[in-house]
Amino acid sequence: VSALNGNAIMNVTPLEDAERRLILDTLAECNGDKKLAAQSLGISLKTLYNKLKRYEAH
């Protein structure tokens, strides 16, 4: 997050935005099952939790 004239703006790259959408779409397809979503994405469950935590801050 950076500030411009006192207003916070998000610094999210298009790649980060695409990753976020992919994760959320996959979670929806897996009915919220994080373990299944992580397997579908080819990442560990811990990595999925870390990414969700990161994107929650945005």
PDB file of N, CA and C in Angstrom:
ATOM      1  N   VAL A   1       0.858  -1.180   0.000  1.00  0.00           N
ATOM      2  CA  VAL A   1       0.000   0.000   0.000  1.00  0.00           C
ATOM      3  C   VAL A   1       0.894   1.229   0.000  1.00  0.00           C
ATOM      4  N   SER A   2       0.563   2.177  -0.821  1.00  0.00           N
ATOM      5  CA  SER A   2       1.295   3.434  -0.822  1.00  0.00           C
ATOM      6  C   SER A   2       0.301   4.569  -0.644  1.00  0.00           C
ATOM      7  N   ALA A   3       0.809   5.724  -0.312  1.00  0.00           N
ATOM      8  CA  ALA A   3      -0.075   6.862  -0.074  1.00  0.00           C
ATOM      9  C   ALA A   3       0.103   7.890  -1.176  1.00  0.00           C
ATOM     10  N   LEU A   4      -0.980   8.483  -1.571  1.00  0.00           N
ATOM     11  CA  LEU A   4      -0.973   9.528  -2.572  1.00  0.00           C
ATOM     12  C   LEU A   4      -1.945  10.592  -2.084  1.00  0.00           C
ATOM     13  N   ASN A   5      -1.409  11.757  -1.701  1.00  0.00           N
ATOM     14  CA  ASN A   5      -2.242  12.835  -1.158  1.00  0.00           C
ATOM     15  C   ASN A   5      -3.070  12.366   0.035  1.00  0.00           C
ATOM     16  N   GLY A   6      -2.501  11.496   0.865  1.00  0.00           N
ATOM     17  CA  GLY A   6      -3.195  11.047   2.062  1.00  0.00           C
ATOM     18  C   GLY A   6      -4.175   9.916   1.831  1.00  0.00           C
ATOM     19  N   ASN A   7      -4.408   9.530   0.592  1.00  0.00           N
ATOM     20  CA  ASN A   7      -5.325   8.433   0.300  1.00  0.00           C
ATOM     21  C   ASN A   7      -4.529   7.169   0.015  1.00  0.00           C
ATOM     22  N   ALA A   8      -4.931   6.071   0.632  1.00  0.00           N
ATOM     23  CA  ALA A   8      -4.241   4.804   0.400  1.00  0.00           C
ATOM     24  C   ALA A   8      -4.688   4.228  -0.935  1.00  0.00           C
ATOM     25  N   ILE A   9      -3.721   3.740  -1.705  1.00  0.00           N
ATOM     26  CA  ILE A   9      -4.043   3.038  -2.939  1.00  0.00           C
ATOM     27  C   ILE A   9      -3.351   1.688  -2.892  1.00  0.00           C
ATOM     28  N   MET A  10      -3.917   0.721  -3.563  1.00  0.00           N
ATOM     29  CA  MET A  10      -3.360  -0.621  -3.543  1.00  0.00           C
ATOM     30  C   MET A  10      -2.342  -0.782  -4.663  1.00  0.00           C
ATOM     31  N   ASN A  11      -1.243  -1.427  -4.335  1.00  0.00           N
ATOM     32  CA  ASN A  11      -0.228  -1.765  -5.327  1.00  0.00           C
ATOM     33  C   ASN A  11      -0.352  -3.248  -5.645  1.00  0.00           C
ATOM     34  N   VAL A  12      -1.296  -3.593  -6.482  1.00  0.00           N
ATOM     35  CA  VAL A  12      -1.515  -4.977  -6.864  1.00  0.00           C
ATOM     36  C   VAL A  12      -1.195  -5.098  -8.343  1.00  0.00           C
ATOM     37  N   THR A  13      -0.281  -5.990  -8.660  1.00  0.00           N
ATOM     38  CA  THR A  13       0.083  -6.174 -10.056  1.00  0.00           C
ATOM     39  C   THR A  13      -0.981  -7.020 -10.747  1.00  0.00           C
ATOM     40  N   PRO A  14      -1.045  -6.949 -12.066  1.00  0.00           N
ATOM     41  CA  PRO A  14      -1.992  -7.796 -12.796  1.00  0.00           C
ATOM     42  C   PRO A  14      -1.776  -9.285 -12.506  1.00  0.00           C
ATOM     43  N   LEU A  15      -0.519  -9.699 -12.319  1.00  0.00           N
ATOM     44  CA  LEU A  15      -0.242 -11.097 -12.011  1.00  0.00           C
ATOM     45  C   LEU A  15      -0.817 -11.478 -10.647  1.00  0.00           C
ATOM     46  N   GLU A  16      -0.638 -10.616  -9.659  1.00  0.00           N
ATOM     47  CA  GLU A  16      -1.192 -10.882  -8.330  1.00  0.00           C
ATOM     48  C   GLU A  16      -2.714 -10.925  -8.383  1.00  0.00           C
ATOM     49  N   ASP A  17      -3.297 -10.034  -9.159  1.00  0.00           N
ATOM     50  CA  ASP A  17      -4.750 -10.014  -9.293  1.00  0.00           C
ATOM     51  C   ASP A  17      -5.241 -11.301  -9.952  1.00  0.00           C
ATOM     52  N   ALA A  18      -4.548 -11.765 -10.976  1.00  0.00           N
ATOM     53  CA  ALA A  18      -4.921 -13.009 -11.654  1.00  0.00           C
ATOM     54  C   ALA A  18      -4.788 -14.202 -10.704  1.00  0.00           C
ATOM     55  N   GLU A  19      -3.709 -14.219  -9.912  1.00  0.00           N
ATOM     56  CA  GLU A  19      -3.511 -15.307  -8.952  1.00  0.00           C
ATOM     57  C   GLU A  19      -4.629 -15.300  -7.915  1.00  0.00           C
ATOM     58  N   ARG A  20      -4.967 -14.133  -7.424  1.00  0.00           N
ATOM     59  CA  ARG A  20      -6.031 -14.005  -6.426  1.00  0.00           C
ATOM     60  C   ARG A  20      -7.352 -14.526  -6.987  1.00  0.00           C
ATOM     61  N   ARG A  21      -7.679 -14.119  -8.206  1.00  0.00           N
ATOM     62  CA  ARG A  21      -8.933 -14.573  -8.821  1.00  0.00           C
ATOM     63  C   ARG A  21      -8.921 -16.085  -9.033  1.00  0.00           C
ATOM     64  N   LEU A  22      -7.782 -16.633  -9.468  1.00  0.00           N
ATOM     65  CA  LEU A  22      -7.671 -18.078  -9.670  1.00  0.00           C
ATOM     66  C   LEU A  22      -7.889 -18.828  -8.358  1.00  0.00           C
ATOM     67  N   ILE A  23      -7.269 -18.351  -7.297  1.00  0.00           N
ATOM     68  CA  ILE A  23      -7.416 -18.995  -5.991  1.00  0.00           C
ATOM     69  C   ILE A  23      -8.868 -18.939  -5.526  1.00  0.00           C
ATOM     70  N   LEU A  24      -9.486 -17.777  -5.615  1.00  0.00           N
ATOM     71  CA  LEU A  24     -10.870 -17.643  -5.159  1.00  0.00           C
ATOM     72  C   LEU A  24     -11.829 -18.463  -6.015  1.00  0.00           C
ATOM     73  N   ASP A  25     -11.609 -18.489  -7.323  1.00  0.00           N
ATOM     74  CA  ASP A  25     -12.449 -19.299  -8.215  1.00  0.00           C
ATOM     75  C   ASP A  25     -12.291 -20.786  -7.909  1.00  0.00           C
ATOM     76  N   THR A  26     -11.053 -21.207  -7.674  1.00  0.00           N
ATOM     77  CA  THR A  26     -10.796 -22.613  -7.357  1.00  0.00           C
ATOM     78  C   THR A  26     -11.442 -22.983  -6.032  1.00  0.00           C
ATOM     79  N   LEU A  27     -11.346 -22.104  -5.048  1.00  0.00           N
ATOM     80  CA  LEU A  27     -12.003 -22.355  -3.762  1.00  0.00           C
ATOM     81  C   LEU A  27     -13.508 -22.504  -3.941  1.00  0.00           C
ATOM     82  N   ALA A  28     -14.094 -21.662  -4.762  1.00  0.00           N
ATOM     83  CA  ALA A  28     -15.537 -21.739  -5.016  1.00  0.00           C
ATOM     84  C   ALA A  28     -15.888 -23.066  -5.687  1.00  0.00           C
ATOM     85  N   GLU A  29     -15.090 -23.473  -6.674  1.00  0.00           N
ATOM     86  CA  GLU A  29     -15.328 -24.744  -7.368  1.00  0.00           C
ATOM     87  C   GLU A  29     -15.190 -25.933  -6.424  1.00  0.00           C
ATOM     88  N   CYS A  30     -14.355 -25.785  -5.406  1.00  0.00           N
ATOM     89  CA  CYS A  30     -14.131 -26.851  -4.423  1.00  0.00           C
ATOM     90  C   CYS A  30     -15.050 -26.697  -3.214  1.00  0.00           C
ATOM     91  N   ASN A  31     -16.066 -25.861  -3.338  1.00  0.00           N
ATOM     92  CA  ASN A  31     -17.025 -25.625  -2.252  1.00  0.00           C
ATOM     93  C   ASN A  31     -16.352 -25.229  -0.946  1.00  0.00           C
ATOM     94  N   GLY A  32     -15.294 -24.437  -1.050  1.00  0.00           N
ATOM     95  CA  GLY A  32     -14.606 -23.937   0.133  1.00  0.00           C
ATOM     96  C   GLY A  32     -13.630 -24.914   0.766  1.00  0.00           C
ATOM     97  N   ASP A  33     -13.466 -26.089   0.173  1.00  0.00           N
ATOM     98  CA  ASP A  33     -12.546 -27.099   0.709  1.00  0.00           C
ATOM     99  C   ASP A  33     -11.114 -26.677   0.375  1.00  0.00           C
ATOM    100  N   LYS A  34     -10.428 -26.117   1.358  1.00  0.00           N
ATOM    101  CA  LYS A  34      -9.089 -25.576   1.127  1.00  0.00           C
ATOM    102  C   LYS A  34      -8.075 -26.654   0.764  1.00  0.00           C
ATOM    103  N   LYS A  35      -8.202 -27.820   1.371  1.00  0.00           N
ATOM    104  CA  LYS A  35      -7.270 -28.908   1.056  1.00  0.00           C
ATOM    105  C   LYS A  35      -7.419 -29.324  -0.407  1.00  0.00           C
ATOM    106  N   LEU A  36      -8.642 -29.482  -0.868  1.00  0.00           N
ATOM    107  CA  LEU A  36      -8.892 -29.852  -2.259  1.00  0.00           C
ATOM    108  C   LEU A  36      -8.460 -28.734  -3.210  1.00  0.00           C
ATOM    109  N   ALA A  37      -8.717 -27.491  -2.830  1.00  0.00           N
ATOM    110  CA  ALA A  37      -8.316 -26.352  -3.662  1.00  0.00           C
ATOM    111  C   ALA A  37      -6.799 -26.299  -3.799  1.00  0.00           C
ATOM    112  N   ALA A  38      -6.091 -26.504  -2.697  1.00  0.00           N
ATOM    113  CA  ALA A  38      -4.624 -26.495  -2.739  1.00  0.00           C
ATOM    114  C   ALA A  38      -4.114 -27.597  -3.664  1.00  0.00           C
ATOM    115  N   GLN A  39      -4.703 -28.782  -3.565  1.00  0.00           N
ATOM    116  CA  GLN A  39      -4.306 -29.887  -4.443  1.00  0.00           C
ATOM    117  C   GLN A  39      -4.581 -29.532  -5.900  1.00  0.00           C
ATOM    118  N   SER A  40      -5.730 -28.950  -6.175  1.00  0.00           N
ATOM    119  CA  SER A  40      -6.093 -28.564  -7.543  1.00  0.00           C
ATOM    120  C   SER A  40      -5.137 -27.524  -8.105  1.00  0.00           C
ATOM    121  N   LEU A  41      -4.663 -26.637  -7.234  1.00  0.00           N
ATOM    122  CA  LEU A  41      -3.748 -25.574  -7.652  1.00  0.00           C
ATOM    123  C   LEU A  41      -2.291 -26.040  -7.705  1.00  0.00           C
ATOM    124  N   GLY A  42      -2.024 -27.215  -7.135  1.00  0.00           N
ATOM    125  CA  GLY A  42      -0.654 -27.726  -7.122  1.00  0.00           C
ATOM    126  C   GLY A  42       0.237 -27.026  -6.114  1.00  0.00           C
ATOM    127  N   ILE A  43      -0.371 -26.554  -5.021  1.00  0.00           N
ATOM    128  CA  ILE A  43       0.384 -25.889  -3.958  1.00  0.00           C
ATOM    129  C   ILE A  43       0.057 -26.557  -2.630  1.00  0.00           C
ATOM    130  N   SER A  44       0.895 -26.324  -1.639  1.00  0.00           N
ATOM    131  CA  SER A  44       0.636 -26.894  -0.322  1.00  0.00           C
ATOM    132  C   SER A  44      -0.499 -26.128   0.357  1.00  0.00           C
ATOM    133  N   LEU A  45      -1.099 -26.777   1.325  1.00  0.00           N
ATOM    134  CA  LEU A  45      -2.169 -26.136   2.082  1.00  0.00           C
ATOM    135  C   LEU A  45      -1.640 -24.898   2.803  1.00  0.00           C
ATOM    136  N   LYS A  46      -0.429 -24.985   3.335  1.00  0.00           N
ATOM    137  CA  LYS A  46       0.182 -23.834   4.014  1.00  0.00           C
ATOM    138  C   LYS A  46       0.356 -22.666   3.050  1.00  0.00           C
ATOM    139  N   THR A  47       0.805 -22.952   1.826  1.00  0.00           N
ATOM    140  CA  THR A  47       0.965 -21.894   0.823  1.00  0.00           C
ATOM    141  C   THR A  47      -0.378 -21.254   0.510  1.00  0.00           C
ATOM    142  N   LEU A  48      -1.414 -22.068   0.392  1.00  0.00           N
ATOM    143  CA  LEU A  48      -2.750 -21.523   0.135  1.00  0.00           C
ATOM    144  C   LEU A  48      -3.165 -20.588   1.268  1.00  0.00           C
ATOM    145  N   TYR A  49      -2.980 -21.023   2.510  1.00  0.00           N
ATOM    146  CA  TYR A  49      -3.327 -20.165   3.648  1.00  0.00           C
ATOM    147  C   TYR A  49      -2.520 -18.866   3.629  1.00  0.00           C
ATOM    148  N   ASN A  50      -1.239 -18.958   3.316  1.00  0.00           N
ATOM    149  CA  ASN A  50      -0.399 -17.753   3.254  1.00  0.00           C
ATOM    150  C   ASN A  50      -0.891 -16.791   2.183  1.00  0.00           C
ATOM    151  N   LYS A  51      -1.257 -17.316   1.024  1.00  0.00           N
ATOM    152  CA  LYS A  51      -1.741 -16.463  -0.061  1.00  0.00           C
ATOM    153  C   LYS A  51      -3.083 -15.838   0.307  1.00  0.00           C
ATOM    154  N   LEU A  52      -3.964 -16.612   0.922  1.00  0.00           N
ATOM    155  CA  LEU A  52      -5.259 -16.065   1.340  1.00  0.00           C
ATOM    156  C   LEU A  52      -5.066 -14.952   2.366  1.00  0.00           C
ATOM    157  N   LYS A  53      -4.154 -15.163   3.294  1.00  0.00           N
ATOM    158  CA  LYS A  53      -3.869 -14.140   4.302  1.00  0.00           C
ATOM    159  C   LYS A  53      -3.326 -12.877   3.641  1.00  0.00           C
ATOM    160  N   ARG A  54      -2.435 -13.053   2.679  1.00  0.00           N
ATOM    161  CA  ARG A  54      -1.849 -11.909   1.981  1.00  0.00           C
ATOM    162  C   ARG A  54      -2.919 -11.118   1.223  1.00  0.00           C
ATOM    163  N   TYR A  55      -3.771 -11.825   0.500  1.00  0.00           N
ATOM    164  CA  TYR A  55      -4.783 -11.137  -0.300  1.00  0.00           C
ATOM    165  C   TYR A  55      -5.878 -10.528   0.569  1.00  0.00           C
ATOM    166  N   GLU A  56      -6.056 -11.055   1.766  1.00  0.00           N
ATOM    167  CA  GLU A  56      -7.008 -10.468   2.706  1.00  0.00           C
ATOM    168  C   GLU A  56      -6.569  -9.058   3.089  1.00  0.00           C
ATOM    169  N   ALA A  57      -5.263  -8.834   3.136  1.00  0.00           N
ATOM    170  CA  ALA A  57      -4.716  -7.521   3.488  1.00  0.00           C
ATOM    171  C   ALA A  57      -4.948  -6.506   2.376  1.00  0.00           C
ATOM    172  N   HIS A  58      -5.162  -6.972   1.151  1.00  0.00           N
ATOM    173  CA  HIS A  58      -5.420  -6.075   0.021  1.00  0.00           C
ATOM    174  C   HIS A  58      -6.886  -5.868  -0.039  1.00  0.00           C
TER     175      HIS A  58
END
